[in-house]
């Protein structure tokens, strides 16, 4: 059995924290895109977004690796992953696209089975 490194475990927890914060703020999901300062994380609600930058490159890379692994994006540009967000099991739809030669990601909350409200 392959054991996850501390960085991978921490990145998964950080990704969950980011998504919980987005859900708590009423966002539909998040966009992650590389900018010169680091990894930009925008909470998206409708056509509006607000965000921050993760400046630690190792943390940012581990978060991206966690997304790619959990959504099974190795050979495709979209997928889904399940995470426990704010005490609820949530499906997250993930899309990856090229933005100026680097991968960018959109993570959207899907309605959960048994939870018709979202």
C-alpha atoms as a PDB file:
ATOM      1  CA  UNK A   1       0.000   0.000   0.000  1.00  0.00           C
ATOM      2  CA  UNK A   2       1.341   3.426  -0.975  1.00  0.00           C
ATOM      3  CA  UNK A   3       1.400   5.884   1.895  1.00  0.00           C
ATOM      4  CA  UNK A   4       0.642   9.549   1.230  1.00  0.00           C
ATOM      5  CA  UNK A   5       3.395  12.000   2.100  1.00  0.00           C
ATOM      6  CA  UNK A   6       2.852  14.683   4.716  1.00  0.00           C
ATOM      7  CA  UNK A   7       2.715  17.248   1.880  1.00  0.00           C
ATOM      8  CA  UNK A   8      -0.062  15.338   0.110  1.00  0.00           C
ATOM      9  CA  UNK A   9      -2.083  14.958   3.303  1.00  0.00           C
ATOM     10  CA  UNK A  10      -1.608  18.633   4.132  1.00  0.00           C
ATOM     11  CA  UNK A  11      -2.548  19.662   0.561  1.00  0.00           C
ATOM     12  CA  UNK A  12      -5.766  17.624   0.709  1.00  0.00           C
ATOM     13  CA  UNK A  13      -6.642  19.311   4.020  1.00  0.00           C
ATOM     14  CA  UNK A  14      -5.815  22.754   2.567  1.00  0.00           C
ATOM     15  CA  UNK A  15      -7.974  22.034  -0.518  1.00  0.00           C
ATOM     16  CA  UNK A  16     -10.848  21.015   1.761  1.00  0.00           C
ATOM     17  CA  UNK A  17     -10.340  24.203   3.808  1.00  0.00           C
ATOM     18  CA  UNK A  18     -10.447  26.350   0.637  1.00  0.00           C
ATOM     19  CA  UNK A  19     -13.605  24.623  -0.601  1.00  0.00           C
ATOM     20  CA  UNK A  20     -15.282  24.903   2.826  1.00  0.00           C
ATOM     21  CA  UNK A  21     -14.529  28.616   2.877  1.00  0.00           C
ATOM     22  CA  UNK A  22     -15.979  28.961  -0.635  1.00  0.00           C
ATOM     23  CA  UNK A  23     -19.135  27.055   0.347  1.00  0.00           C
ATOM     24  CA  UNK A  24     -19.520  29.119   3.529  1.00  0.00           C
ATOM     25  CA  UNK A  25     -19.333  32.329   1.491  1.00  0.00           C
ATOM     26  CA  UNK A  26     -22.062  31.114  -0.881  1.00  0.00           C
ATOM     27  CA  UNK A  27     -19.745  30.581  -3.844  1.00  0.00           C
ATOM     28  CA  UNK A  28     -20.649  28.223  -6.686  1.00  0.00           C
ATOM     29  CA  UNK A  29     -17.048  26.987  -6.733  1.00  0.00           C
ATOM     30  CA  UNK A  30     -13.466  28.134  -7.202  1.00  0.00           C
ATOM     31  CA  UNK A  31     -11.066  28.856 -10.036  1.00  0.00           C
ATOM     32  CA  UNK A  32      -7.350  28.165  -9.625  1.00  0.00           C
ATOM     33  CA  UNK A  33      -4.926  29.771 -12.068  1.00  0.00           C
ATOM     34  CA  UNK A  34      -1.202  30.448 -12.072  1.00  0.00           C
ATOM     35  CA  UNK A  35      -0.205  34.122 -11.959  1.00  0.00           C
ATOM     36  CA  UNK A  36       3.310  35.592 -11.559  1.00  0.00           C
ATOM     37  CA  UNK A  37       2.834  35.867  -7.779  1.00  0.00           C
ATOM     38  CA  UNK A  38       1.699  32.237  -7.289  1.00  0.00           C
ATOM     39  CA  UNK A  39      -1.536  30.265  -7.534  1.00  0.00           C
ATOM     40  CA  UNK A  40      -4.583  32.528  -7.673  1.00  0.00           C
ATOM     41  CA  UNK A  41      -7.643  31.103  -5.935  1.00  0.00           C
ATOM     42  CA  UNK A  42     -10.910  32.885  -6.797  1.00  0.00           C
ATOM     43  CA  UNK A  43     -14.260  32.140  -5.200  1.00  0.00           C
ATOM     44  CA  UNK A  44     -16.838  32.322  -7.987  1.00  0.00           C
ATOM     45  CA  UNK A  45     -20.485  33.223  -7.508  1.00  0.00           C
ATOM     46  CA  UNK A  46     -22.345  33.789 -10.761  1.00  0.00           C
ATOM     47  CA  UNK A  47     -20.208  36.195 -12.805  1.00  0.00           C
ATOM     48  CA  UNK A  48     -18.364  37.584  -9.796  1.00  0.00           C
ATOM     49  CA  UNK A  49     -15.127  36.368  -8.272  1.00  0.00           C
ATOM     50  CA  UNK A  50     -12.939  37.351  -5.364  1.00  0.00           C
ATOM     51  CA  UNK A  51      -9.780  35.632  -4.296  1.00  0.00           C
ATOM     52  CA  UNK A  52      -6.323  35.434  -2.920  1.00  0.00           C
ATOM     53  CA  UNK A  53      -2.926  34.108  -3.936  1.00  0.00           C
ATOM     54  CA  UNK A  54      -1.111  31.078  -2.563  1.00  0.00           C
ATOM     55  CA  UNK A  55       2.501  32.236  -2.785  1.00  0.00           C
ATOM     56  CA  UNK A  56       4.213  29.066  -1.524  1.00  0.00           C
ATOM     57  CA  UNK A  57       5.023  27.134  -4.724  1.00  0.00           C
ATOM     58  CA  UNK A  58       5.344  23.766  -2.958  1.00  0.00           C
ATOM     59  CA  UNK A  59       1.936  24.157  -1.300  1.00  0.00           C
ATOM     60  CA  UNK A  60       0.380  25.253  -4.598  1.00  0.00           C
ATOM     61  CA  UNK A  61       1.872  22.290  -6.498  1.00  0.00           C
ATOM     62  CA  UNK A  62       0.662  19.855  -3.819  1.00  0.00           C
ATOM     63  CA  UNK A  63      -2.865  21.300  -4.023  1.00  0.00           C
ATOM     64  CA  UNK A  64      -2.867  20.918  -7.814  1.00  0.00           C
ATOM     65  CA  UNK A  65      -1.557  17.352  -7.492  1.00  0.00           C
ATOM     66  CA  UNK A  66      -4.356  16.581  -5.005  1.00  0.00           C
ATOM     67  CA  UNK A  67      -6.962  17.884  -7.473  1.00  0.00           C
ATOM     68  CA  UNK A  68      -5.506  15.959 -10.415  1.00  0.00           C
ATOM     69  CA  UNK A  69      -5.304  12.747  -8.382  1.00  0.00           C
ATOM     70  CA  UNK A  70      -8.724  12.965  -6.710  1.00  0.00           C
ATOM     71  CA  UNK A  71     -10.554  13.980  -9.925  1.00  0.00           C
ATOM     72  CA  UNK A  72      -8.550  11.461 -11.993  1.00  0.00           C
ATOM     73  CA  UNK A  73      -7.391  14.066 -14.517  1.00  0.00           C
ATOM     74  CA  UNK A  74      -4.143  12.386 -15.610  1.00  0.00           C
ATOM     75  CA  UNK A  75      -5.417  11.706 -19.163  1.00  0.00           C
ATOM     76  CA  UNK A  76      -8.496  13.897 -19.425  1.00  0.00           C
ATOM     77  CA  UNK A  77      -9.602  17.471 -18.859  1.00  0.00           C
ATOM     78  CA  UNK A  78     -12.629  16.962 -16.613  1.00  0.00           C
ATOM     79  CA  UNK A  79     -13.751  14.742 -13.802  1.00  0.00           C
ATOM     80  CA  UNK A  80     -15.410  14.683 -10.403  1.00  0.00           C
ATOM     81  CA  UNK A  81     -14.216  14.135  -6.880  1.00  0.00           C
ATOM     82  CA  UNK A  82     -15.986  13.616  -3.593  1.00  0.00           C
ATOM     83  CA  UNK A  83     -15.018  15.531  -0.478  1.00  0.00           C
ATOM     84  CA  UNK A  84     -16.545  16.095   2.918  1.00  0.00           C
ATOM     85  CA  UNK A  85     -17.247  19.839   2.995  1.00  0.00           C
ATOM     86  CA  UNK A  86     -18.683  21.437   6.139  1.00  0.00           C
ATOM     87  CA  UNK A  87     -19.953  18.085   7.405  1.00  0.00           C
ATOM     88  CA  UNK A  88     -21.589  17.070   4.122  1.00  0.00           C
ATOM     89  CA  UNK A  89     -20.359  14.695   1.433  1.00  0.00           C
ATOM     90  CA  UNK A  90     -20.121  16.819  -1.717  1.00  0.00           C
ATOM     91  CA  UNK A  91     -19.403  16.059  -5.347  1.00  0.00           C
ATOM     92  CA  UNK A  92     -17.074  18.563  -6.982  1.00  0.00           C
ATOM     93  CA  UNK A  93     -17.006  18.879 -10.779  1.00  0.00           C
ATOM     94  CA  UNK A  94     -13.476  19.659 -11.966  1.00  0.00           C
ATOM     95  CA  UNK A  95     -12.438  21.132 -15.315  1.00  0.00           C
ATOM     96  CA  UNK A  96      -8.855  21.709 -16.406  1.00  0.00           C
ATOM     97  CA  UNK A  97      -7.826  23.977 -19.263  1.00  0.00           C
ATOM     98  CA  UNK A  98      -4.725  25.600 -20.676  1.00  0.00           C
ATOM     99  CA  UNK A  99      -4.143  29.216 -19.664  1.00  0.00           C
ATOM    100  CA  UNK A 100      -1.095  30.735 -21.353  1.00  0.00           C
ATOM    101  CA  UNK A 101       0.734  27.395 -21.357  1.00  0.00           C
ATOM    102  CA  UNK A 102      -0.145  26.373 -17.792  1.00  0.00           C
ATOM    103  CA  UNK A 103      -3.004  24.371 -16.345  1.00  0.00           C
ATOM    104  CA  UNK A 104      -5.912  26.208 -14.754  1.00  0.00           C
ATOM    105  CA  UNK A 105      -8.780  24.582 -12.866  1.00  0.00           C
ATOM    106  CA  UNK A 106     -12.456  25.256 -12.179  1.00  0.00           C
ATOM    107  CA  UNK A 107     -14.032  23.358  -9.287  1.00  0.00           C
ATOM    108  CA  UNK A 108     -17.837  23.586  -9.036  1.00  0.00           C
ATOM    109  CA  UNK A 109     -20.126  22.246  -6.348  1.00  0.00           C
ATOM    110  CA  UNK A 110     -22.561  19.647  -7.718  1.00  0.00           C
ATOM    111  CA  UNK A 111     -25.877  18.776  -6.115  1.00  0.00           C
ATOM    112  CA  UNK A 112     -25.223  15.965  -3.657  1.00  0.00           C
ATOM    113  CA  UNK A 113     -27.211  12.767  -3.840  1.00  0.00           C
ATOM    114  CA  UNK A 114     -29.771  12.980  -1.092  1.00  0.00           C
ATOM    115  CA  UNK A 115     -29.234  16.747  -0.799  1.00  0.00           C
ATOM    116  CA  UNK A 116     -31.474  18.399  -3.381  1.00  0.00           C
ATOM    117  CA  UNK A 117     -30.798  21.890  -2.033  1.00  0.00           C
ATOM    118  CA  UNK A 118     -27.456  22.247  -3.832  1.00  0.00           C
END
